[in-house]
């Protein structure tokens, strides 16, 4: 979710919805001091999970929300600055990749489940979450890393997303603890698996850098992640 102020009292929010994919909504009057509507500006924060009733019209740029309520009230993300930073990173990465108004229910449920898992995560899982989310999110956008790692195939070709015996003839590859770390995350099928990953701060940072390099190669106009500096500082 992303929101920008519109006029004196309203918001324009970009939401990833289960039924309609990415959509932009006009939310009128929610920034007034006294709001008579059931809608509240506080409901439209990044990573919030909402149940909506909307007026959806094809070929209309801005849609309108009729009713809104929290689908879930966080108990961890709203109180833990580390989890907040991870959630903001997750939403920014999602929105960089997912810009089209097409229903993607599998992607929607993956993101929803990831946020629910982050909310209750123990500290070591929270620290490993950005790499886990980055590696598994790419599957939904037509490119992915294949876990073919073994003792002989231990060089990760970031451009092709495969493990090789020898470095490729381009600079986009990693080896050693980085390629082994990527393989570990590829094997993690659920966030709770991350509690067994004892990784140092520097290795996690380099793994995340490799993941973002992977996205920059495969996603047109990927650019830089604005949340990465704050995320790395907080997780350090």
C-alpha atoms as a PDB file:
ATOM      1  CA  UNK A   1       0.000   0.000   0.000  1.00  0.00           C
ATOM      2  CA  UNK A   2       1.133   3.518  -0.793  1.00  0.00           C
ATOM      3  CA  UNK A   3      -0.731   6.753  -0.119  1.00  0.00           C
ATOM      4  CA  UNK A   4      -0.283  10.381  -1.146  1.00  0.00           C
ATOM      5  CA  UNK A   5      -2.124  13.418   0.068  1.00  0.00           C
ATOM      6  CA  UNK A   6      -4.761  14.860  -2.258  1.00  0.00           C
ATOM      7  CA  UNK A   7      -6.122  18.321  -1.638  1.00  0.00           C
ATOM      8  CA  UNK A   8      -6.681  19.426   1.936  1.00  0.00           C
ATOM      9  CA  UNK A   9      -8.462  16.388   3.322  1.00  0.00           C
ATOM     10  CA  UNK A  10      -8.181  13.384   1.012  1.00  0.00           C
ATOM     11  CA  UNK A  11      -5.783  10.608   0.002  1.00  0.00           C
ATOM     12  CA  UNK A  12      -5.023   8.713  -3.165  1.00  0.00           C
ATOM     13  CA  UNK A  13      -3.975   5.197  -2.193  1.00  0.00           C
ATOM     14  CA  UNK A  14      -2.442   2.416  -4.269  1.00  0.00           C
ATOM     15  CA  UNK A  15      -3.556  -0.997  -3.024  1.00  0.00           C
ATOM     16  CA  UNK A  16      -2.820  -4.560  -4.018  1.00  0.00           C
ATOM     17  CA  UNK A  17      -6.194  -6.301  -3.989  1.00  0.00           C
ATOM     18  CA  UNK A  18      -7.103  -9.962  -4.211  1.00  0.00           C
ATOM     19  CA  UNK A  19      -9.801  -9.508  -6.871  1.00  0.00           C
ATOM     20  CA  UNK A  20      -8.495  -6.655  -9.012  1.00  0.00           C
ATOM     21  CA  UNK A  21      -4.703  -6.622  -8.596  1.00  0.00           C
ATOM     22  CA  UNK A  22      -3.076  -3.214  -8.236  1.00  0.00           C
ATOM     23  CA  UNK A  23      -5.628  -0.407  -8.009  1.00  0.00           C
ATOM     24  CA  UNK A  24      -5.656   3.286  -7.119  1.00  0.00           C
ATOM     25  CA  UNK A  25      -8.440   4.623  -4.906  1.00  0.00           C
ATOM     26  CA  UNK A  26      -9.626   8.094  -3.977  1.00  0.00           C
ATOM     27  CA  UNK A  27     -10.377   8.251  -0.263  1.00  0.00           C
ATOM     28  CA  UNK A  28     -12.178  11.511   0.402  1.00  0.00           C
ATOM     29  CA  UNK A  29     -12.207  13.490   3.617  1.00  0.00           C
ATOM     30  CA  UNK A  30     -10.163  11.083   5.756  1.00  0.00           C
ATOM     31  CA  UNK A  31      -7.676  13.755   6.829  1.00  0.00           C
ATOM     32  CA  UNK A  32     -10.297  15.965   8.445  1.00  0.00           C
ATOM     33  CA  UNK A  33     -10.041  16.401  12.204  1.00  0.00           C
ATOM     34  CA  UNK A  34     -13.639  15.267  12.620  1.00  0.00           C
ATOM     35  CA  UNK A  35     -14.427  12.434  10.214  1.00  0.00           C
ATOM     36  CA  UNK A  36     -18.009  11.208   9.960  1.00  0.00           C
ATOM     37  CA  UNK A  37     -17.160   8.405   7.528  1.00  0.00           C
ATOM     38  CA  UNK A  38     -16.103   4.941   8.673  1.00  0.00           C
ATOM     39  CA  UNK A  39     -12.876   5.438   6.712  1.00  0.00           C
ATOM     40  CA  UNK A  40      -9.790   6.617   8.609  1.00  0.00           C
ATOM     41  CA  UNK A  41      -6.422   7.807   7.350  1.00  0.00           C
ATOM     42  CA  UNK A  42      -4.766   5.452   9.852  1.00  0.00           C
ATOM     43  CA  UNK A  43      -6.173   2.498   7.911  1.00  0.00           C
ATOM     44  CA  UNK A  44      -4.050   3.341   4.871  1.00  0.00           C
ATOM     45  CA  UNK A  45      -0.553   2.765   6.198  1.00  0.00           C
ATOM     46  CA  UNK A  46       1.991   0.548   4.390  1.00  0.00           C
ATOM     47  CA  UNK A  47       1.422  -3.198   4.905  1.00  0.00           C
ATOM     48  CA  UNK A  48      -2.031  -2.781   6.478  1.00  0.00           C
ATOM     49  CA  UNK A  49      -4.378  -5.699   5.770  1.00  0.00           C
ATOM     50  CA  UNK A  50      -7.877  -4.467   4.972  1.00  0.00           C
ATOM     51  CA  UNK A  51     -11.309  -5.752   4.009  1.00  0.00           C
ATOM     52  CA  UNK A  52     -12.838  -3.380   1.448  1.00  0.00           C
ATOM     53  CA  UNK A  53     -16.154  -2.785  -0.258  1.00  0.00           C
ATOM     54  CA  UNK A  54     -15.460  -0.803  -3.426  1.00  0.00           C
ATOM     55  CA  UNK A  55     -17.160   0.607  -6.486  1.00  0.00           C
ATOM     56  CA  UNK A  56     -15.080  -0.978  -9.238  1.00  0.00           C
ATOM     57  CA  UNK A  57     -15.440   0.256 -12.785  1.00  0.00           C
ATOM     58  CA  UNK A  58     -13.256  -1.000 -15.600  1.00  0.00           C
ATOM     59  CA  UNK A  59     -11.352   1.667 -17.534  1.00  0.00           C
ATOM     60  CA  UNK A  60     -11.621   4.097 -14.643  1.00  0.00           C
ATOM     61  CA  UNK A  61      -8.308   5.344 -13.292  1.00  0.00           C
ATOM     62  CA  UNK A  62      -9.305   6.145  -9.715  1.00  0.00           C
ATOM     63  CA  UNK A  63     -11.710   3.775  -8.008  1.00  0.00           C
ATOM     64  CA  UNK A  64     -13.718   4.573  -4.873  1.00  0.00           C
ATOM     65  CA  UNK A  65     -13.931   2.782  -1.531  1.00  0.00           C
ATOM     66  CA  UNK A  66     -17.375   2.480   0.037  1.00  0.00           C
ATOM     67  CA  UNK A  67     -16.456   0.625   3.219  1.00  0.00           C
ATOM     68  CA  UNK A  68     -13.234  -0.360   4.909  1.00  0.00           C
ATOM     69  CA  UNK A  69     -12.267  -2.293   8.005  1.00  0.00           C
ATOM     70  CA  UNK A  70      -9.110  -3.923   9.303  1.00  0.00           C
ATOM     71  CA  UNK A  71      -8.789  -7.549   8.189  1.00  0.00           C
ATOM     72  CA  UNK A  72      -6.182  -8.023  10.899  1.00  0.00           C
ATOM     73  CA  UNK A  73      -4.788  -5.894  13.696  1.00  0.00           C
ATOM     74  CA  UNK A  74      -1.057  -6.422  14.016  1.00  0.00           C
ATOM     75  CA  UNK A  75       0.415  -7.168  17.415  1.00  0.00           C
ATOM     76  CA  UNK A  76       4.079  -7.109  16.367  1.00  0.00           C
ATOM     77  CA  UNK A  77       4.575  -4.982  13.260  1.00  0.00           C
ATOM     78  CA  UNK A  78       2.906  -1.919  14.765  1.00  0.00           C
ATOM     79  CA  UNK A  79       5.089  -2.075  17.897  1.00  0.00           C
ATOM     80  CA  UNK A  80       8.477  -3.236  16.619  1.00  0.00           C
ATOM     81  CA  UNK A  81      10.560  -0.807  14.546  1.00  0.00           C
ATOM     82  CA  UNK A  82      12.541  -3.705  13.053  1.00  0.00           C
ATOM     83  CA  UNK A  83       9.397  -5.430  11.829  1.00  0.00           C
ATOM     84  CA  UNK A  84       8.014  -2.123  10.550  1.00  0.00           C
ATOM     85  CA  UNK A  85      11.168  -1.581   8.502  1.00  0.00           C
ATOM     86  CA  UNK A  86      10.985  -5.090   7.041  1.00  0.00           C
ATOM     87  CA  UNK A  87       7.300  -4.626   6.169  1.00  0.00           C
ATOM     88  CA  UNK A  88       7.988  -1.305   4.410  1.00  0.00           C
ATOM     89  CA  UNK A  89      10.781  -2.974   2.432  1.00  0.00           C
ATOM     90  CA  UNK A  90       8.467  -5.833   1.431  1.00  0.00           C
ATOM     91  CA  UNK A  91       5.761  -3.479   0.199  1.00  0.00           C
ATOM     92  CA  UNK A  92       8.202  -1.312  -1.744  1.00  0.00           C
ATOM     93  CA  UNK A  93       9.672  -4.371  -3.471  1.00  0.00           C
ATOM     94  CA  UNK A  94       6.197  -5.696  -4.274  1.00  0.00           C
ATOM     95  CA  UNK A  95       5.065  -2.404  -5.767  1.00  0.00           C
ATOM     96  CA  UNK A  96       8.211  -2.059  -7.864  1.00  0.00           C
ATOM     97  CA  UNK A  97       7.441  -5.418  -9.443  1.00  0.00           C
ATOM     98  CA  UNK A  98       3.641  -5.479  -9.508  1.00  0.00           C
ATOM     99  CA  UNK A  99       2.231  -2.503 -11.378  1.00  0.00           C
ATOM    100  CA  UNK A 100      -0.644  -3.958 -13.399  1.00  0.00           C
ATOM    101  CA  UNK A 101      -4.365  -4.235 -12.543  1.00  0.00           C
ATOM    102  CA  UNK A 102      -4.545  -7.986 -13.065  1.00  0.00           C
ATOM    103  CA  UNK A 103      -5.821 -10.435 -10.445  1.00  0.00           C
ATOM    104  CA  UNK A 104      -2.979 -12.503  -9.011  1.00  0.00           C
ATOM    105  CA  UNK A 105      -4.529 -14.459  -6.139  1.00  0.00           C
ATOM    106  CA  UNK A 106      -1.482 -16.689  -5.558  1.00  0.00           C
ATOM    107  CA  UNK A 107       0.763 -13.651  -5.228  1.00  0.00           C
ATOM    108  CA  UNK A 108      -1.782 -11.909  -3.012  1.00  0.00           C
ATOM    109  CA  UNK A 109      -1.941 -14.830  -0.592  1.00  0.00           C
ATOM    110  CA  UNK A 110       1.834 -15.201  -0.551  1.00  0.00           C
ATOM    111  CA  UNK A 111       2.244 -11.550   0.489  1.00  0.00           C
ATOM    112  CA  UNK A 112      -0.628 -11.742   2.986  1.00  0.00           C
ATOM    113  CA  UNK A 113       0.778 -14.897   4.593  1.00  0.00           C
ATOM    114  CA  UNK A 114       4.261 -13.346   4.710  1.00  0.00           C
ATOM    115  CA  UNK A 115       2.995 -10.271   6.570  1.00  0.00           C
ATOM    116  CA  UNK A 116       1.062 -12.400   9.050  1.00  0.00           C
ATOM    117  CA  UNK A 117       4.196 -14.503   9.637  1.00  0.00           C
ATOM    118  CA  UNK A 118       6.354 -11.400  10.074  1.00  0.00           C
ATOM    119  CA  UNK A 119       3.946 -10.044  12.682  1.00  0.00           C
ATOM    120  CA  UNK A 120       4.578 -13.007  15.003  1.00  0.00           C
ATOM    121  CA  UNK A 121       8.203 -13.676  14.011  1.00  0.00           C
ATOM    122  CA  UNK A 122      10.959 -14.095  16.575  1.00  0.00           C
ATOM    123  CA  UNK A 123      13.986 -11.767  16.160  1.00  0.00           C
ATOM    124  CA  UNK A 124      16.165 -14.138  14.119  1.00  0.00           C
ATOM    125  CA  UNK A 125      13.306 -14.778  11.678  1.00  0.00           C
ATOM    126  CA  UNK A 126      12.698 -11.029  11.371  1.00  0.00           C
ATOM    127  CA  UNK A 127      16.367 -10.436  10.546  1.00  0.00           C
ATOM    128  CA  UNK A 128      16.308 -13.111   7.816  1.00  0.00           C
ATOM    129  CA  UNK A 129      12.907 -12.104   6.425  1.00  0.00           C
ATOM    130  CA  UNK A 130      14.010  -9.559   3.764  1.00  0.00           C
ATOM    131  CA  UNK A 131      16.221 -12.122   1.991  1.00  0.00           C
ATOM    132  CA  UNK A 132      13.564 -14.844   2.260  1.00  0.00           C
ATOM    133  CA  UNK A 133      10.845 -12.585   0.852  1.00  0.00           C
ATOM    134  CA  UNK A 134      13.053 -11.262  -1.955  1.00  0.00           C
ATOM    135  CA  UNK A 135      14.108 -14.715  -3.118  1.00  0.00           C
ATOM    136  CA  UNK A 136      10.622 -16.212  -3.147  1.00  0.00           C
ATOM    137  CA  UNK A 137       8.717 -13.168  -4.460  1.00  0.00           C
ATOM    138  CA  UNK A 138      10.482 -13.331  -7.832  1.00  0.00           C
ATOM    139  CA  UNK A 139       8.751 -16.644  -8.629  1.00  0.00           C
ATOM    140  CA  UNK A 140       5.527 -14.743  -9.316  1.00  0.00           C
ATOM    141  CA  UNK A 141       7.065 -12.487 -11.963  1.00  0.00           C
ATOM    142  CA  UNK A 142       8.504 -15.009 -14.387  1.00  0.00           C
ATOM    143  CA  UNK A 143      12.076 -15.213 -13.126  1.00  0.00           C
ATOM    144  CA  UNK A 144      13.532 -17.210 -10.275  1.00  0.00           C
ATOM    145  CA  UNK A 145      16.680 -18.757  -8.891  1.00  0.00           C
ATOM    146  CA  UNK A 146      16.843 -22.526  -9.308  1.00  0.00           C
ATOM    147  CA  UNK A 147      18.300 -24.475  -6.395  1.00  0.00           C
ATOM    148  CA  UNK A 148      20.824 -26.611  -8.263  1.00  0.00           C
ATOM    149  CA  UNK A 149      23.540 -25.947  -5.687  1.00  0.00           C
ATOM    150  CA  UNK A 150      25.941 -28.761  -4.756  1.00  0.00           C
ATOM    151  CA  UNK A 151      29.660 -29.210  -4.096  1.00  0.00           C
ATOM    152  CA  UNK A 152      30.439 -28.993  -7.814  1.00  0.00           C
ATOM    153  CA  UNK A 153      27.855 -26.347  -8.771  1.00  0.00           C
ATOM    154  CA  UNK A 154      28.609 -23.667  -6.197  1.00  0.00           C
ATOM    155  CA  UNK A 155      28.813 -20.483  -8.275  1.00  0.00           C
ATOM    156  CA  UNK A 156      25.548 -18.568  -8.581  1.00  0.00           C
ATOM    157  CA  UNK A 157      24.981 -16.888 -11.944  1.00  0.00           C
ATOM    158  CA  UNK A 158      22.758 -14.001 -10.842  1.00  0.00           C
ATOM    159  CA  UNK A 159      21.793 -13.127 -14.407  1.00  0.00           C
ATOM    160  CA  UNK A 160      20.514 -16.622 -15.189  1.00  0.00           C
ATOM    161  CA  UNK A 161      19.490 -17.651 -11.675  1.00  0.00           C
ATOM    162  CA  UNK A 162      21.351 -20.985 -11.754  1.00  0.00           C
ATOM    163  CA  UNK A 163      24.365 -22.514 -10.007  1.00  0.00           C
ATOM    164  CA  UNK A 164      27.377 -23.342 -12.165  1.00  0.00           C
ATOM    165  CA  UNK A 165      30.698 -25.144 -11.850  1.00  0.00           C
ATOM    166  CA  UNK A 166      32.693 -22.117 -12.997  1.00  0.00           C
ATOM    167  CA  UNK A 167      32.117 -18.347 -12.958  1.00  0.00           C
ATOM    168  CA  UNK A 168      30.230 -17.116 -16.065  1.00  0.00           C
ATOM    169  CA  UNK A 169      31.741 -14.683 -18.569  1.00  0.00           C
ATOM    170  CA  UNK A 170      29.978 -11.669 -17.039  1.00  0.00           C
ATOM    171  CA  UNK A 171      30.335  -9.920 -13.660  1.00  0.00           C
ATOM    172  CA  UNK A 172      26.934 -10.853 -12.200  1.00  0.00           C
ATOM    173  CA  UNK A 173      27.807 -13.865 -10.059  1.00  0.00           C
ATOM    174  CA  UNK A 174      28.651 -14.803  -6.478  1.00  0.00           C
ATOM    175  CA  UNK A 175      30.368 -17.769  -4.865  1.00  0.00           C
ATOM    176  CA  UNK A 176      31.466 -19.052  -1.489  1.00  0.00           C
ATOM    177  CA  UNK A 177      29.267 -18.267   1.513  1.00  0.00           C
ATOM    178  CA  UNK A 178      26.987 -16.098  -0.627  1.00  0.00           C
ATOM    179  CA  UNK A 179      26.001 -18.805  -3.093  1.00  0.00           C
ATOM    180  CA  UNK A 180      25.590 -21.301  -0.241  1.00  0.00           C
ATOM    181  CA  UNK A 181      23.421 -18.778   1.634  1.00  0.00           C
ATOM    182  CA  UNK A 182      21.152 -18.294  -1.387  1.00  0.00           C
ATOM    183  CA  UNK A 183      20.737 -22.064  -1.603  1.00  0.00           C
ATOM    184  CA  UNK A 184      19.696 -22.189   2.055  1.00  0.00           C
ATOM    185  CA  UNK A 185      17.016 -19.560   1.511  1.00  0.00           C
ATOM    186  CA  UNK A 186      15.755 -21.326  -1.596  1.00  0.00           C
ATOM    187  CA  UNK A 187      15.197 -24.448   0.512  1.00  0.00           C
ATOM    188  CA  UNK A 188      13.211 -22.494   3.150  1.00  0.00           C
ATOM    189  CA  UNK A 189       9.557 -23.109   2.318  1.00  0.00           C
ATOM    190  CA  UNK A 190       8.030 -21.323   5.321  1.00  0.00           C
ATOM    191  CA  UNK A 191       9.182 -18.302   7.359  1.00  0.00           C
ATOM    192  CA  UNK A 192       9.558 -20.432  10.490  1.00  0.00           C
ATOM    193  CA  UNK A 193      12.370 -22.301   8.711  1.00  0.00           C
ATOM    194  CA  UNK A 194      14.437 -19.113   9.048  1.00  0.00           C
ATOM    195  CA  UNK A 195      14.968 -19.625  12.791  1.00  0.00           C
ATOM    196  CA  UNK A 196      17.569 -22.258  11.922  1.00  0.00           C
ATOM    197  CA  UNK A 197      19.638 -19.820   9.824  1.00  0.00           C
ATOM    198  CA  UNK A 198      22.500 -18.497  11.928  1.00  0.00           C
ATOM    199  CA  UNK A 199      23.856 -15.783   9.640  1.00  0.00           C
ATOM    200  CA  UNK A 200      26.027 -12.825  10.480  1.00  0.00           C
ATOM    201  CA  UNK A 201      24.934  -9.261   9.813  1.00  0.00           C
ATOM    202  CA  UNK A 202      27.436  -8.781   6.993  1.00  0.00           C
ATOM    203  CA  UNK A 203      26.388 -11.972   5.195  1.00  0.00           C
ATOM    204  CA  UNK A 204      22.698 -11.072   5.394  1.00  0.00           C
ATOM    205  CA  UNK A 205      23.464  -7.651   3.970  1.00  0.00           C
ATOM    206  CA  UNK A 206      25.474  -9.096   1.073  1.00  0.00           C
ATOM    207  CA  UNK A 207      22.774 -11.682   0.377  1.00  0.00           C
ATOM    208  CA  UNK A 208      20.153  -8.948   0.165  1.00  0.00           C
ATOM    209  CA  UNK A 209      22.399  -6.918  -2.152  1.00  0.00           C
ATOM    210  CA  UNK A 210      22.698  -9.965  -4.426  1.00  0.00           C
ATOM    211  CA  UNK A 211      18.916 -10.398  -4.428  1.00  0.00           C
ATOM    212  CA  UNK A 212      18.335  -6.779  -5.402  1.00  0.00           C
ATOM    213  CA  UNK A 213      20.938  -7.089  -8.142  1.00  0.00           C
ATOM    214  CA  UNK A 214      18.924 -10.070  -9.414  1.00  0.00           C
ATOM    215  CA  UNK A 215      15.778  -7.907  -9.534  1.00  0.00           C
ATOM    216  CA  UNK A 216      17.583  -5.009 -11.214  1.00  0.00           C
ATOM    217  CA  UNK A 217      18.728  -7.342 -13.994  1.00  0.00           C
ATOM    218  CA  UNK A 218      15.264  -8.799 -14.613  1.00  0.00           C
ATOM    219  CA  UNK A 219      12.866  -5.933 -13.867  1.00  0.00           C
ATOM    220  CA  UNK A 220      12.828  -2.987 -16.255  1.00  0.00           C
ATOM    221  CA  UNK A 221      13.321   0.383 -14.561  1.00  0.00           C
ATOM    222  CA  UNK A 222      13.782  -1.278 -11.185  1.00  0.00           C
ATOM    223  CA  UNK A 223      15.868   1.594  -9.835  1.00  0.00           C
ATOM    224  CA  UNK A 224      16.955   1.844  -6.221  1.00  0.00           C
ATOM    225  CA  UNK A 225      15.072   0.733  -3.136  1.00  0.00           C
ATOM    226  CA  UNK A 226      14.438   3.760  -0.944  1.00  0.00           C
ATOM    227  CA  UNK A 227      13.796   1.622   2.127  1.00  0.00           C
ATOM    228  CA  UNK A 228      17.062  -0.307   1.994  1.00  0.00           C
ATOM    229  CA  UNK A 229      19.229   2.194   3.908  1.00  0.00           C
ATOM    230  CA  UNK A 230      16.816   2.405   6.848  1.00  0.00           C
ATOM    231  CA  UNK A 231      16.263  -1.360   6.795  1.00  0.00           C
ATOM    232  CA  UNK A 232      19.967  -2.140   6.982  1.00  0.00           C
ATOM    233  CA  UNK A 233      20.557   0.393   9.741  1.00  0.00           C
ATOM    234  CA  UNK A 234      17.689  -0.919  11.839  1.00  0.00           C
ATOM    235  CA  UNK A 235      18.593  -4.595  11.355  1.00  0.00           C
ATOM    236  CA  UNK A 236      22.225  -3.874  12.179  1.00  0.00           C
END
